[in-house]
């Protein structure tokens, strides 16, 4: 098991190095610097959220028109919205 963790750590390190190379340098206040691991993680989270949204939309497009989920997603709410004023 310890061997697997070491291998996974090396893969993650290699992936981060490649992502840093893809993102290139960042210019901040006139100074060039390499993207930090934290910035890479934040970017990855944003991409994961967008991917999940796209996956959900693809699912809705493929579902049968009689599906409850499809009907709800295509319906238009009626009435007055009550909430914070």
N, C-alpha and C. Protein backbone atom coordinates (compact mmCIF):
# COMPACT_ATOMS: atom_id res chain seq x y z
N UNK A 1 0.81 -1.19 0.00
CA UNK A 1 0.00 0.00 0.00
C UNK A 1 0.86 1.26 0.00
N UNK A 2 1.96 1.24 0.76
CA UNK A 2 2.84 2.41 0.80
C UNK A 2 3.45 2.66 -0.57
N UNK A 3 3.72 1.59 -1.29
CA UNK A 3 4.27 1.74 -2.63
C UNK A 3 3.28 2.46 -3.54
N UNK A 4 1.99 2.13 -3.43
CA UNK A 4 0.97 2.76 -4.25
C UNK A 4 0.86 4.25 -3.96
N UNK A 5 0.96 4.62 -2.70
CA UNK A 5 0.87 6.04 -2.33
C UNK A 5 2.05 6.81 -2.91
N UNK A 6 3.24 6.22 -2.85
CA UNK A 6 4.42 6.88 -3.41
C UNK A 6 4.29 7.08 -4.91
N UNK A 7 3.78 6.07 -5.59
CA UNK A 7 3.58 6.17 -7.03
C UNK A 7 2.55 7.24 -7.37
N UNK A 8 1.47 7.30 -6.58
CA UNK A 8 0.44 8.30 -6.80
C UNK A 8 0.97 9.70 -6.56
N UNK A 9 1.80 9.85 -5.53
CA UNK A 9 2.40 11.14 -5.23
C UNK A 9 3.29 11.60 -6.38
N UNK A 10 4.07 10.67 -6.93
CA UNK A 10 4.93 11.01 -8.06
C UNK A 10 4.10 11.42 -9.29
N UNK A 11 2.99 10.72 -9.52
CA UNK A 11 2.12 11.08 -10.64
C UNK A 11 1.53 12.47 -10.45
N UNK A 12 1.06 12.76 -9.23
CA UNK A 12 0.49 14.08 -8.96
C UNK A 12 1.53 15.18 -9.14
N UNK A 13 2.74 14.92 -8.69
CA UNK A 13 3.83 15.90 -8.84
C UNK A 13 4.11 16.13 -10.32
N UNK A 14 4.18 15.05 -11.08
CA UNK A 14 4.43 15.18 -12.52
C UNK A 14 3.31 15.96 -13.21
N UNK A 15 2.06 15.67 -12.83
CA UNK A 15 0.92 16.38 -13.41
C UNK A 15 0.99 17.87 -13.11
N UNK A 16 1.32 18.21 -11.85
CA UNK A 16 1.41 19.62 -11.48
C UNK A 16 2.51 20.33 -12.28
N UNK A 17 3.63 19.65 -12.47
CA UNK A 17 4.72 20.25 -13.25
C UNK A 17 4.27 20.51 -14.68
N UNK A 18 3.54 19.57 -15.25
CA UNK A 18 3.05 19.75 -16.63
C UNK A 18 2.03 20.88 -16.70
N UNK A 19 1.14 20.95 -15.72
CA UNK A 19 0.15 22.03 -15.70
C UNK A 19 0.83 23.39 -15.56
N UNK A 20 1.86 23.46 -14.74
CA UNK A 20 2.59 24.72 -14.58
C UNK A 20 3.22 25.14 -15.90
N UNK A 21 3.71 24.16 -16.63
CA UNK A 21 4.32 24.45 -17.93
C UNK A 21 3.26 24.93 -18.92
N UNK A 22 2.07 24.33 -18.87
CA UNK A 22 0.98 24.73 -19.75
C UNK A 22 0.52 26.15 -19.43
N UNK A 23 0.35 26.44 -18.14
CA UNK A 23 -0.12 27.77 -17.72
C UNK A 23 0.93 28.84 -17.95
N UNK A 24 2.17 28.47 -17.96
CA UNK A 24 3.24 29.42 -18.20
C UNK A 24 3.48 30.34 -17.01
N UNK A 25 4.09 31.46 -17.30
CA UNK A 25 4.42 32.42 -16.26
C UNK A 25 3.25 33.38 -16.04
N UNK A 26 3.17 33.89 -14.82
CA UNK A 26 2.16 34.87 -14.47
C UNK A 26 2.88 36.18 -14.20
N UNK A 27 2.38 37.25 -14.77
CA UNK A 27 2.97 38.56 -14.51
C UNK A 27 2.09 39.25 -13.47
N UNK A 28 2.69 39.55 -12.34
CA UNK A 28 1.95 40.18 -11.25
C UNK A 28 2.78 41.35 -10.73
N UNK A 29 2.22 42.55 -10.83
CA UNK A 29 2.92 43.77 -10.42
C UNK A 29 4.25 43.93 -11.14
N UNK A 30 4.24 43.56 -12.41
CA UNK A 30 5.45 43.72 -13.22
C UNK A 30 6.51 42.66 -12.99
N UNK A 31 6.22 41.65 -12.18
CA UNK A 31 7.18 40.60 -11.88
C UNK A 31 6.65 39.27 -12.43
N UNK A 32 7.49 38.55 -13.16
CA UNK A 32 7.11 37.23 -13.68
C UNK A 32 7.33 36.18 -12.60
N UNK A 33 6.38 35.28 -12.48
CA UNK A 33 6.52 34.20 -11.53
C UNK A 33 5.81 32.97 -12.06
N UNK A 34 6.11 31.81 -11.49
CA UNK A 34 5.48 30.55 -11.87
C UNK A 34 4.16 30.42 -11.11
N UNK A 35 3.19 29.81 -11.73
CA UNK A 35 1.89 29.57 -11.09
C UNK A 35 2.09 28.68 -9.86
N UNK A 36 1.42 29.02 -8.76
CA UNK A 36 1.55 28.22 -7.53
C UNK A 36 0.65 27.00 -7.58
N UNK A 37 0.93 26.01 -6.74
CA UNK A 37 0.09 24.82 -6.65
C UNK A 37 -1.32 25.19 -6.22
N UNK A 38 -1.46 26.16 -5.33
CA UNK A 38 -2.79 26.59 -4.88
C UNK A 38 -3.59 27.16 -6.04
N UNK A 39 -2.96 27.97 -6.88
CA UNK A 39 -3.65 28.52 -8.05
C UNK A 39 -4.07 27.41 -9.00
N UNK A 40 -3.22 26.40 -9.15
CA UNK A 40 -3.59 25.26 -10.00
C UNK A 40 -4.79 24.52 -9.44
N UNK A 41 -4.83 24.32 -8.11
CA UNK A 41 -5.96 23.64 -7.48
C UNK A 41 -7.25 24.42 -7.66
N UNK A 42 -7.20 25.76 -7.50
CA UNK A 42 -8.38 26.59 -7.68
C UNK A 42 -8.89 26.51 -9.11
N UNK A 43 -7.97 26.55 -10.06
CA UNK A 43 -8.35 26.43 -11.47
C UNK A 43 -9.00 25.08 -11.73
N UNK A 44 -8.43 24.03 -11.15
CA UNK A 44 -8.96 22.68 -11.33
C UNK A 44 -10.37 22.58 -10.75
N UNK A 45 -10.61 23.18 -9.59
CA UNK A 45 -11.95 23.16 -8.98
C UNK A 45 -12.95 23.83 -9.90
N UNK A 46 -12.58 24.99 -10.47
CA UNK A 46 -13.47 25.69 -11.38
C UNK A 46 -13.78 24.84 -12.60
N UNK A 47 -12.77 24.18 -13.14
CA UNK A 47 -12.98 23.32 -14.31
C UNK A 47 -13.86 22.12 -13.96
N UNK A 48 -13.68 21.55 -12.77
CA UNK A 48 -14.51 20.42 -12.34
C UNK A 48 -15.97 20.83 -12.23
N UNK A 49 -16.23 22.02 -11.70
CA UNK A 49 -17.61 22.51 -11.57
C UNK A 49 -18.22 22.71 -12.95
N UNK A 50 -17.47 23.31 -13.86
CA UNK A 50 -17.98 23.52 -15.22
C UNK A 50 -18.25 22.19 -15.91
N UNK A 51 -17.36 21.21 -15.70
CA UNK A 51 -17.55 19.90 -16.32
C UNK A 51 -18.81 19.23 -15.79
N UNK A 52 -19.04 19.32 -14.48
CA UNK A 52 -20.23 18.72 -13.90
C UNK A 52 -21.50 19.37 -14.45
N UNK A 53 -21.47 20.67 -14.61
CA UNK A 53 -22.63 21.37 -15.19
C UNK A 53 -22.88 20.92 -16.62
N UNK A 54 -21.80 20.82 -17.41
CA UNK A 54 -21.96 20.36 -18.79
C UNK A 54 -22.46 18.92 -18.85
N UNK A 55 -21.95 18.07 -17.96
CA UNK A 55 -22.43 16.69 -17.91
C UNK A 55 -23.92 16.65 -17.60
N UNK A 56 -24.37 17.50 -16.68
CA UNK A 56 -25.80 17.54 -16.32
C UNK A 56 -26.63 18.01 -17.52
N UNK A 57 -26.16 19.01 -18.23
CA UNK A 57 -26.90 19.50 -19.41
C UNK A 57 -26.96 18.42 -20.47
N UNK A 58 -25.84 17.73 -20.70
CA UNK A 58 -25.85 16.62 -21.68
C UNK A 58 -26.84 15.55 -21.27
N UNK A 59 -26.90 15.26 -19.98
CA UNK A 59 -27.85 14.26 -19.48
C UNK A 59 -29.28 14.70 -19.77
N UNK A 60 -29.58 15.97 -19.49
CA UNK A 60 -30.95 16.47 -19.73
C UNK A 60 -31.32 16.41 -21.21
N UNK A 61 -30.37 16.74 -22.07
CA UNK A 61 -30.64 16.72 -23.51
C UNK A 61 -30.94 15.30 -23.98
N UNK A 62 -30.24 14.31 -23.42
CA UNK A 62 -30.42 12.92 -23.85
C UNK A 62 -31.66 12.26 -23.27
N UNK A 63 -32.18 12.76 -22.14
CA UNK A 63 -33.28 12.07 -21.49
C UNK A 63 -34.57 12.16 -22.30
N UNK A 64 -35.43 11.22 -22.04
CA UNK A 64 -36.72 11.13 -22.71
C UNK A 64 -37.59 12.33 -22.35
N UNK A 65 -38.39 12.79 -23.30
CA UNK A 65 -39.23 13.98 -23.06
C UNK A 65 -40.30 13.73 -21.98
N UNK A 66 -40.57 12.47 -21.65
CA UNK A 66 -41.55 12.16 -20.60
C UNK A 66 -40.93 12.12 -19.21
N UNK A 67 -39.62 12.26 -19.12
CA UNK A 67 -38.92 12.20 -17.84
C UNK A 67 -39.32 13.38 -16.95
N UNK A 68 -39.51 13.10 -15.67
CA UNK A 68 -39.88 14.14 -14.71
C UNK A 68 -38.79 15.20 -14.63
N UNK A 69 -37.53 14.77 -14.62
CA UNK A 69 -36.41 15.70 -14.55
C UNK A 69 -36.43 16.64 -15.75
N UNK A 70 -36.67 16.11 -16.93
CA UNK A 70 -36.70 16.92 -18.14
C UNK A 70 -37.86 17.90 -18.10
N UNK A 71 -39.03 17.44 -17.63
CA UNK A 71 -40.19 18.33 -17.54
C UNK A 71 -39.93 19.48 -16.58
N UNK A 72 -39.32 19.18 -15.44
CA UNK A 72 -39.04 20.22 -14.45
C UNK A 72 -38.02 21.21 -15.00
N UNK A 73 -36.99 20.71 -15.67
CA UNK A 73 -35.94 21.61 -16.17
C UNK A 73 -36.45 22.51 -17.29
N UNK A 74 -37.45 22.06 -18.03
CA UNK A 74 -37.97 22.87 -19.13
C UNK A 74 -39.17 23.72 -18.73
N UNK A 75 -39.68 23.53 -17.52
CA UNK A 75 -40.86 24.28 -17.09
C UNK A 75 -40.49 25.71 -16.73
N UNK A 76 -41.48 26.59 -16.80
CA UNK A 76 -41.27 27.98 -16.43
C UNK A 76 -42.09 28.24 -15.16
N UNK A 77 -41.42 28.69 -14.09
CA UNK A 77 -42.12 28.94 -12.84
C UNK A 77 -43.18 30.03 -13.01
N UNK A 78 -44.28 29.87 -12.30
CA UNK A 78 -45.35 30.85 -12.39
C UNK A 78 -45.64 31.38 -10.99
N UNK A 79 -46.22 32.55 -10.93
CA UNK A 79 -46.56 33.13 -9.65
C UNK A 79 -45.54 34.18 -9.23
N UNK A 80 -45.65 34.58 -7.98
CA UNK A 80 -44.78 35.61 -7.45
C UNK A 80 -43.75 34.98 -6.55
N UNK A 81 -42.51 35.39 -6.72
CA UNK A 81 -41.43 34.85 -5.90
C UNK A 81 -41.39 35.62 -4.58
N UNK A 82 -41.40 34.87 -3.50
CA UNK A 82 -41.32 35.47 -2.17
C UNK A 82 -39.93 35.19 -1.63
N UNK A 83 -39.24 36.22 -1.23
CA UNK A 83 -37.88 36.02 -0.72
C UNK A 83 -37.40 37.25 -0.01
N UNK A 84 -36.11 37.41 0.02
CA UNK A 84 -35.52 38.59 0.68
C UNK A 84 -35.90 39.85 -0.09
N UNK A 85 -36.19 40.89 0.66
CA UNK A 85 -36.51 42.15 -0.01
C UNK A 85 -35.41 43.16 0.11
